[in-house]
Amino acid sequence: MTRLLLDENFPHSAADGLARAGHDVQNVAALAREHQRCLVTFDSDFGDLEFQHGAEPPPCIVYLRLHPIVTEDVLALTLQALQGPLQGLFIVATPRALRRRPFAASAGDASA
């Protein structure tokens, strides 16, 4: 048995197959939910999972849209995105703007 941490874009059916084969499978979003951590990512798939597929989200998701990826810019943009309310929000952070969108299940609980 191998302990695996799967990225959010790893197919769920393949993850199920790995688990049935005896591997310990955990996915990044589930791990963030379990530990009540906000998820910071460069991958737009997390938004797709929440808004199009209804997957249960972690407390918040910060999606950084930044290119090129420069450490100082990543830090500054992440710190900016983490200001204000976070619970129940999908935050899209670009160098020009921040967009805060409540998760579907939390629409009444969070303000944009």
N, C-alpha and C. Protein backbone atom coordinates (compact mmCIF):
# COMPACT_ATOMS: atom_id res chain seq x y z
N MET A 1 0.84 -1.18 0.00
CA MET A 1 0.00 0.00 0.00
C MET A 1 0.89 1.24 0.00
N THR A 2 0.50 2.20 -0.80
CA THR A 2 1.20 3.47 -0.87
C THR A 2 0.24 4.57 -0.43
N ARG A 3 0.75 5.52 0.34
CA ARG A 3 -0.05 6.68 0.75
C ARG A 3 0.09 7.74 -0.32
N LEU A 4 -1.05 8.14 -0.91
CA LEU A 4 -1.05 9.06 -2.04
C LEU A 4 -1.79 10.34 -1.69
N LEU A 5 -1.26 11.47 -2.14
CA LEU A 5 -1.94 12.75 -2.07
C LEU A 5 -2.17 13.19 -3.51
N LEU A 6 -3.44 13.23 -3.92
CA LEU A 6 -3.79 13.49 -5.31
C LEU A 6 -4.17 14.95 -5.52
N ASP A 7 -3.73 15.48 -6.63
CA ASP A 7 -4.10 16.82 -7.04
C ASP A 7 -5.59 16.83 -7.38
N GLU A 8 -6.19 18.02 -7.36
CA GLU A 8 -7.63 18.12 -7.57
C GLU A 8 -8.07 17.73 -8.97
N ASN A 9 -7.16 17.77 -9.94
CA ASN A 9 -7.58 17.42 -11.29
C ASN A 9 -7.35 15.95 -11.62
N PHE A 10 -6.97 15.16 -10.62
CA PHE A 10 -6.82 13.71 -10.80
C PHE A 10 -8.23 13.13 -10.88
N PRO A 11 -8.54 12.33 -11.87
CA PRO A 11 -9.91 11.82 -12.05
C PRO A 11 -10.42 11.04 -10.82
N HIS A 12 -11.63 11.36 -10.38
CA HIS A 12 -12.21 10.71 -9.20
C HIS A 12 -12.35 9.20 -9.40
N SER A 13 -12.71 8.79 -10.62
CA SER A 13 -12.86 7.35 -10.86
C SER A 13 -11.52 6.63 -10.74
N ALA A 14 -10.44 7.27 -11.16
CA ALA A 14 -9.11 6.67 -11.00
C ALA A 14 -8.72 6.64 -9.53
N ALA A 15 -9.07 7.68 -8.78
CA ALA A 15 -8.79 7.70 -7.34
C ALA A 15 -9.53 6.57 -6.64
N ASP A 16 -10.79 6.36 -7.03
CA ASP A 16 -11.56 5.26 -6.46
C ASP A 16 -10.90 3.92 -6.77
N GLY A 17 -10.40 3.76 -7.99
CA GLY A 17 -9.72 2.53 -8.38
C GLY A 17 -8.46 2.29 -7.58
N LEU A 18 -7.71 3.35 -7.31
CA LEU A 18 -6.50 3.23 -6.49
C LEU A 18 -6.86 2.81 -5.06
N ALA A 19 -7.93 3.38 -4.53
CA ALA A 19 -8.37 3.03 -3.18
C ALA A 19 -8.82 1.56 -3.13
N ARG A 20 -9.57 1.13 -4.15
CA ARG A 20 -10.01 -0.27 -4.20
C ARG A 20 -8.82 -1.22 -4.32
N ALA A 21 -7.73 -0.74 -4.92
CA ALA A 21 -6.52 -1.56 -5.06
C ALA A 21 -5.69 -1.59 -3.78
N GLY A 22 -6.19 -0.90 -2.74
CA GLY A 22 -5.53 -0.98 -1.44
C GLY A 22 -4.64 0.20 -1.09
N HIS A 23 -4.61 1.22 -1.93
CA HIS A 23 -3.78 2.38 -1.63
C HIS A 23 -4.54 3.37 -0.74
N ASP A 24 -3.82 4.07 0.10
CA ASP A 24 -4.38 5.11 0.97
C ASP A 24 -4.42 6.39 0.15
N VAL A 25 -5.62 6.79 -0.27
CA VAL A 25 -5.78 7.91 -1.19
C VAL A 25 -6.40 9.10 -0.47
N GLN A 26 -5.77 10.24 -0.61
CA GLN A 26 -6.29 11.49 -0.06
C GLN A 26 -6.16 12.53 -1.16
N ASN A 27 -7.15 13.41 -1.27
CA ASN A 27 -7.05 14.46 -2.27
C ASN A 27 -6.82 15.80 -1.58
N VAL A 28 -6.17 16.72 -2.28
CA VAL A 28 -5.74 17.98 -1.71
C VAL A 28 -6.91 18.77 -1.12
N ALA A 29 -8.01 18.87 -1.85
CA ALA A 29 -9.16 19.63 -1.35
C ALA A 29 -9.74 18.98 -0.10
N ALA A 30 -9.82 17.65 -0.07
CA ALA A 30 -10.34 16.96 1.11
C ALA A 30 -9.42 17.18 2.31
N LEU A 31 -8.13 17.19 2.07
CA LEU A 31 -7.17 17.44 3.14
C LEU A 31 -7.34 18.85 3.69
N ALA A 32 -7.53 19.82 2.82
CA ALA A 32 -7.75 21.20 3.26
C ALA A 32 -9.04 21.29 4.09
N ARG A 33 -10.11 20.61 3.65
CA ARG A 33 -11.36 20.60 4.42
C ARG A 33 -11.15 19.97 5.79
N GLU A 34 -10.51 18.82 5.80
CA GLU A 34 -10.31 18.07 7.04
C GLU A 34 -9.53 18.89 8.07
N HIS A 35 -8.56 19.66 7.62
CA HIS A 35 -7.73 20.44 8.54
C HIS A 35 -8.18 21.89 8.63
N GLN A 36 -9.32 22.20 8.03
CA GLN A 36 -9.89 23.55 8.05
C GLN A 36 -8.87 24.60 7.63
N ARG A 37 -8.27 24.36 6.47
CA ARG A 37 -7.28 25.28 5.92
C ARG A 37 -7.79 25.88 4.62
N CYS A 38 -7.51 27.17 4.43
CA CYS A 38 -7.79 27.79 3.15
C CYS A 38 -6.80 27.23 2.13
N LEU A 39 -7.27 27.02 0.95
CA LEU A 39 -6.45 26.45 -0.11
C LEU A 39 -5.99 27.56 -1.04
N VAL A 40 -4.69 27.67 -1.25
CA VAL A 40 -4.12 28.66 -2.16
C VAL A 40 -3.57 27.89 -3.36
N THR A 41 -3.98 28.27 -4.56
CA THR A 41 -3.65 27.48 -5.74
C THR A 41 -3.46 28.35 -6.97
N PHE A 42 -2.73 27.82 -7.93
CA PHE A 42 -2.63 28.42 -9.26
C PHE A 42 -3.54 27.67 -10.24
N ASP A 43 -4.29 26.70 -9.76
CA ASP A 43 -5.07 25.81 -10.61
C ASP A 43 -6.55 26.17 -10.56
N SER A 44 -7.11 26.52 -11.70
CA SER A 44 -8.52 26.92 -11.77
C SER A 44 -9.48 25.75 -11.55
N ASP A 45 -8.98 24.53 -11.57
CA ASP A 45 -9.85 23.37 -11.41
C ASP A 45 -10.61 23.37 -10.09
N PHE A 46 -10.07 24.00 -9.06
CA PHE A 46 -10.79 24.04 -7.79
C PHE A 46 -12.11 24.79 -7.93
N GLY A 47 -12.11 25.87 -8.66
CA GLY A 47 -13.36 26.59 -8.91
C GLY A 47 -14.35 25.75 -9.67
N ASP A 48 -13.86 25.01 -10.66
CA ASP A 48 -14.73 24.12 -11.43
C ASP A 48 -15.35 23.06 -10.53
N LEU A 49 -14.55 22.50 -9.64
CA LEU A 49 -15.07 21.46 -8.74
C LEU A 49 -16.19 22.00 -7.87
N GLU A 50 -16.02 23.20 -7.34
CA GLU A 50 -17.02 23.77 -6.44
C GLU A 50 -18.26 24.24 -7.20
N PHE A 51 -18.07 25.04 -8.24
CA PHE A 51 -19.19 25.69 -8.88
C PHE A 51 -19.88 24.84 -9.94
N GLN A 52 -19.17 23.93 -10.59
CA GLN A 52 -19.79 23.14 -11.64
C GLN A 52 -20.14 21.73 -11.18
N HIS A 53 -19.39 21.20 -10.22
CA HIS A 53 -19.61 19.82 -9.80
C HIS A 53 -20.13 19.70 -8.37
N GLY A 54 -20.23 20.82 -7.65
CA GLY A 54 -20.80 20.81 -6.32
C GLY A 54 -19.96 20.11 -5.27
N ALA A 55 -18.67 19.99 -5.49
CA ALA A 55 -17.80 19.36 -4.49
C ALA A 55 -17.76 20.22 -3.24
N GLU A 56 -17.71 19.58 -2.09
CA GLU A 56 -17.64 20.33 -0.84
C GLU A 56 -16.28 21.02 -0.75
N PRO A 57 -16.28 22.34 -0.60
CA PRO A 57 -15.02 23.08 -0.62
C PRO A 57 -14.36 23.13 0.76
N PRO A 58 -13.08 23.51 0.78
CA PRO A 58 -12.43 23.83 2.05
C PRO A 58 -12.99 25.17 2.55
N PRO A 59 -12.53 25.68 3.69
CA PRO A 59 -13.07 26.94 4.21
C PRO A 59 -13.03 28.09 3.20
N CYS A 60 -11.98 28.18 2.43
CA CYS A 60 -11.90 29.17 1.35
C CYS A 60 -10.87 28.69 0.34
N ILE A 61 -10.98 29.22 -0.87
CA ILE A 61 -10.02 28.93 -1.93
C ILE A 61 -9.53 30.26 -2.46
N VAL A 62 -8.21 30.41 -2.53
CA VAL A 62 -7.59 31.57 -3.15
C VAL A 62 -6.92 31.09 -4.43
N TYR A 63 -7.45 31.53 -5.54
CA TYR A 63 -6.91 31.15 -6.86
C TYR A 63 -6.09 32.32 -7.37
N LEU A 64 -4.79 32.11 -7.50
CA LEU A 64 -3.87 33.15 -7.98
C LEU A 64 -3.72 33.04 -9.49
N ARG A 65 -4.07 34.10 -10.18
CA ARG A 65 -3.87 34.18 -11.64
C ARG A 65 -2.72 35.15 -11.86
N LEU A 66 -1.55 34.57 -12.02
CA LEU A 66 -0.34 35.38 -12.08
C LEU A 66 0.66 34.73 -13.02
N HIS A 67 1.15 35.51 -13.97
CA HIS A 67 2.17 35.00 -14.88
C HIS A 67 3.01 36.17 -15.35
N PRO A 68 4.29 36.09 -15.25
CA PRO A 68 5.08 34.96 -14.75
C PRO A 68 4.96 34.85 -13.23
N ILE A 69 5.28 33.68 -12.73
CA ILE A 69 5.24 33.45 -11.29
C ILE A 69 6.57 33.88 -10.69
N VAL A 70 6.52 35.00 -9.97
CA VAL A 70 7.70 35.57 -9.30
C VAL A 70 7.40 35.54 -7.80
N THR A 71 8.32 35.00 -7.02
CA THR A 71 8.09 34.78 -5.59
C THR A 71 7.57 36.03 -4.88
N GLU A 72 8.18 37.15 -5.09
CA GLU A 72 7.77 38.38 -4.40
C GLU A 72 6.34 38.76 -4.78
N ASP A 73 5.98 38.58 -6.04
CA ASP A 73 4.62 38.89 -6.50
C ASP A 73 3.60 37.91 -5.92
N VAL A 74 3.98 36.64 -5.85
CA VAL A 74 3.09 35.62 -5.26
C VAL A 74 2.81 35.97 -3.81
N LEU A 75 3.85 36.31 -3.06
CA LEU A 75 3.69 36.65 -1.65
C LEU A 75 2.79 37.88 -1.49
N ALA A 76 3.07 38.93 -2.24
CA ALA A 76 2.27 40.16 -2.12
C ALA A 76 0.81 39.91 -2.49
N LEU A 77 0.57 39.19 -3.56
CA LEU A 77 -0.80 38.93 -4.00
C LEU A 77 -1.55 38.04 -3.01
N THR A 78 -0.86 37.03 -2.47
CA THR A 78 -1.49 36.16 -1.48
C THR A 78 -1.84 36.92 -0.22
N LEU A 79 -0.92 37.74 0.27
CA LEU A 79 -1.20 38.54 1.47
C LEU A 79 -2.37 39.48 1.25
N GLN A 80 -2.46 40.06 0.07
CA GLN A 80 -3.58 40.94 -0.25
C GLN A 80 -4.89 40.16 -0.26
N ALA A 81 -4.88 38.98 -0.85
CA ALA A 81 -6.10 38.17 -0.94
C ALA A 81 -6.57 37.69 0.42
N LEU A 82 -5.65 37.51 1.37
CA LEU A 82 -6.01 36.98 2.68
C LEU A 82 -6.54 38.05 3.64
N GLN A 83 -6.62 39.28 3.20
CA GLN A 83 -7.19 40.33 4.05
C GLN A 83 -8.70 40.33 3.90
N GLY A 84 -9.37 40.59 5.00
CA GLY A 84 -10.83 40.62 4.97
C GLY A 84 -11.41 39.26 5.24
N PRO A 85 -12.73 39.13 5.08
CA PRO A 85 -13.38 37.84 5.35
C PRO A 85 -12.92 36.79 4.34
N LEU A 86 -12.82 35.55 4.83
CA LEU A 86 -12.36 34.45 3.97
C LEU A 86 -13.35 33.29 3.93
N GLN A 87 -14.01 33.04 5.05
CA GLN A 87 -14.87 31.86 5.19
C GLN A 87 -15.92 31.80 4.09
N GLY A 88 -15.96 30.65 3.39
CA GLY A 88 -16.98 30.42 2.38
C GLY A 88 -16.77 31.15 1.07
N LEU A 89 -15.53 31.61 0.81
CA LEU A 89 -15.29 32.39 -0.40
C LEU A 89 -14.32 31.71 -1.35
N PHE A 90 -14.58 31.90 -2.63
CA PHE A 90 -13.63 31.58 -3.69
C PHE A 90 -13.08 32.93 -4.13
N ILE A 91 -11.78 33.14 -3.92
CA ILE A 91 -11.16 34.43 -4.20
C ILE A 91 -10.24 34.27 -5.41
N VAL A 92 -10.50 35.07 -6.42
CA VAL A 92 -9.63 35.10 -7.60
C VAL A 92 -8.77 36.34 -7.46
N ALA A 93 -7.45 36.14 -7.41
CA ALA A 93 -6.52 37.25 -7.21
C ALA A 93 -5.65 37.41 -8.44
N THR A 94 -5.69 38.59 -9.01
CA THR A 94 -4.82 38.94 -10.13
C THR A 94 -4.05 40.20 -9.73
N PRO A 95 -3.00 40.55 -10.45
CA PRO A 95 -2.27 41.77 -10.11
C PRO A 95 -3.14 43.03 -10.18
N ARG A 96 -4.24 42.98 -10.91
CA ARG A 96 -5.09 44.17 -11.08
C ARG A 96 -6.32 44.21 -10.19
N ALA A 97 -6.76 43.05 -9.69
CA ALA A 97 -8.02 43.03 -8.94
C ALA A 97 -8.17 41.76 -8.12
N LEU A 98 -9.04 41.85 -7.11
CA LEU A 98 -9.47 40.69 -6.33
C LEU A 98 -10.96 40.52 -6.54
N ARG A 99 -11.39 39.30 -6.80
CA ARG A 99 -12.82 39.02 -6.91
C ARG A 99 -13.16 37.98 -5.87
N ARG A 100 -14.14 38.27 -5.03
CA ARG A 100 -14.58 37.36 -3.97
C ARG A 100 -15.97 36.87 -4.31
N ARG A 101 -16.09 35.55 -4.43
CA ARG A 101 -17.37 34.95 -4.79
C ARG A 101 -17.74 33.91 -3.74
N PRO A 102 -18.93 34.01 -3.15
CA PRO A 102 -19.33 33.01 -2.16
C PRO A 102 -19.53 31.64 -2.81
N PHE A 103 -19.16 30.60 -2.08
CA PHE A 103 -19.48 29.25 -2.53
C PHE A 103 -20.99 29.12 -2.59
N ALA A 104 -21.47 28.27 -3.46
CA ALA A 104 -22.91 28.09 -3.63
C ALA A 104 -23.60 27.76 -2.32
N ALA A 105 -23.04 26.86 -1.54
CA ALA A 105 -23.64 26.44 -0.27
C ALA A 105 -23.53 27.52 0.80
N SER A 106 -22.62 28.48 0.60
CA SER A 106 -22.37 29.51 1.61
C SER A 106 -22.86 30.87 1.17
N ALA A 107 -23.63 30.95 0.09
CA ALA A 107 -24.01 32.23 -0.48
C ALA A 107 -24.68 33.15 0.52
N GLY A 108 -25.40 32.61 1.46
CA GLY A 108 -26.04 33.43 2.46
C GLY A 108 -25.15 33.74 3.64
N ASP A 109 -24.01 33.04 3.74
CA ASP A 109 -23.14 33.19 4.88
C ASP A 109 -21.98 34.14 4.67
N ALA A 110 -21.65 34.49 3.44
CA ALA A 110 -20.48 35.31 3.16
C ALA A 110 -20.89 36.46 2.26
N SER A 111 -20.18 37.56 2.41
CA SER A 111 -20.46 38.70 1.54
C SER A 111 -19.28 38.95 0.64
N ALA A 112 -19.57 39.36 -0.57
CA ALA A 112 -18.51 39.60 -1.55
C ALA A 112 -17.93 40.97 -1.39
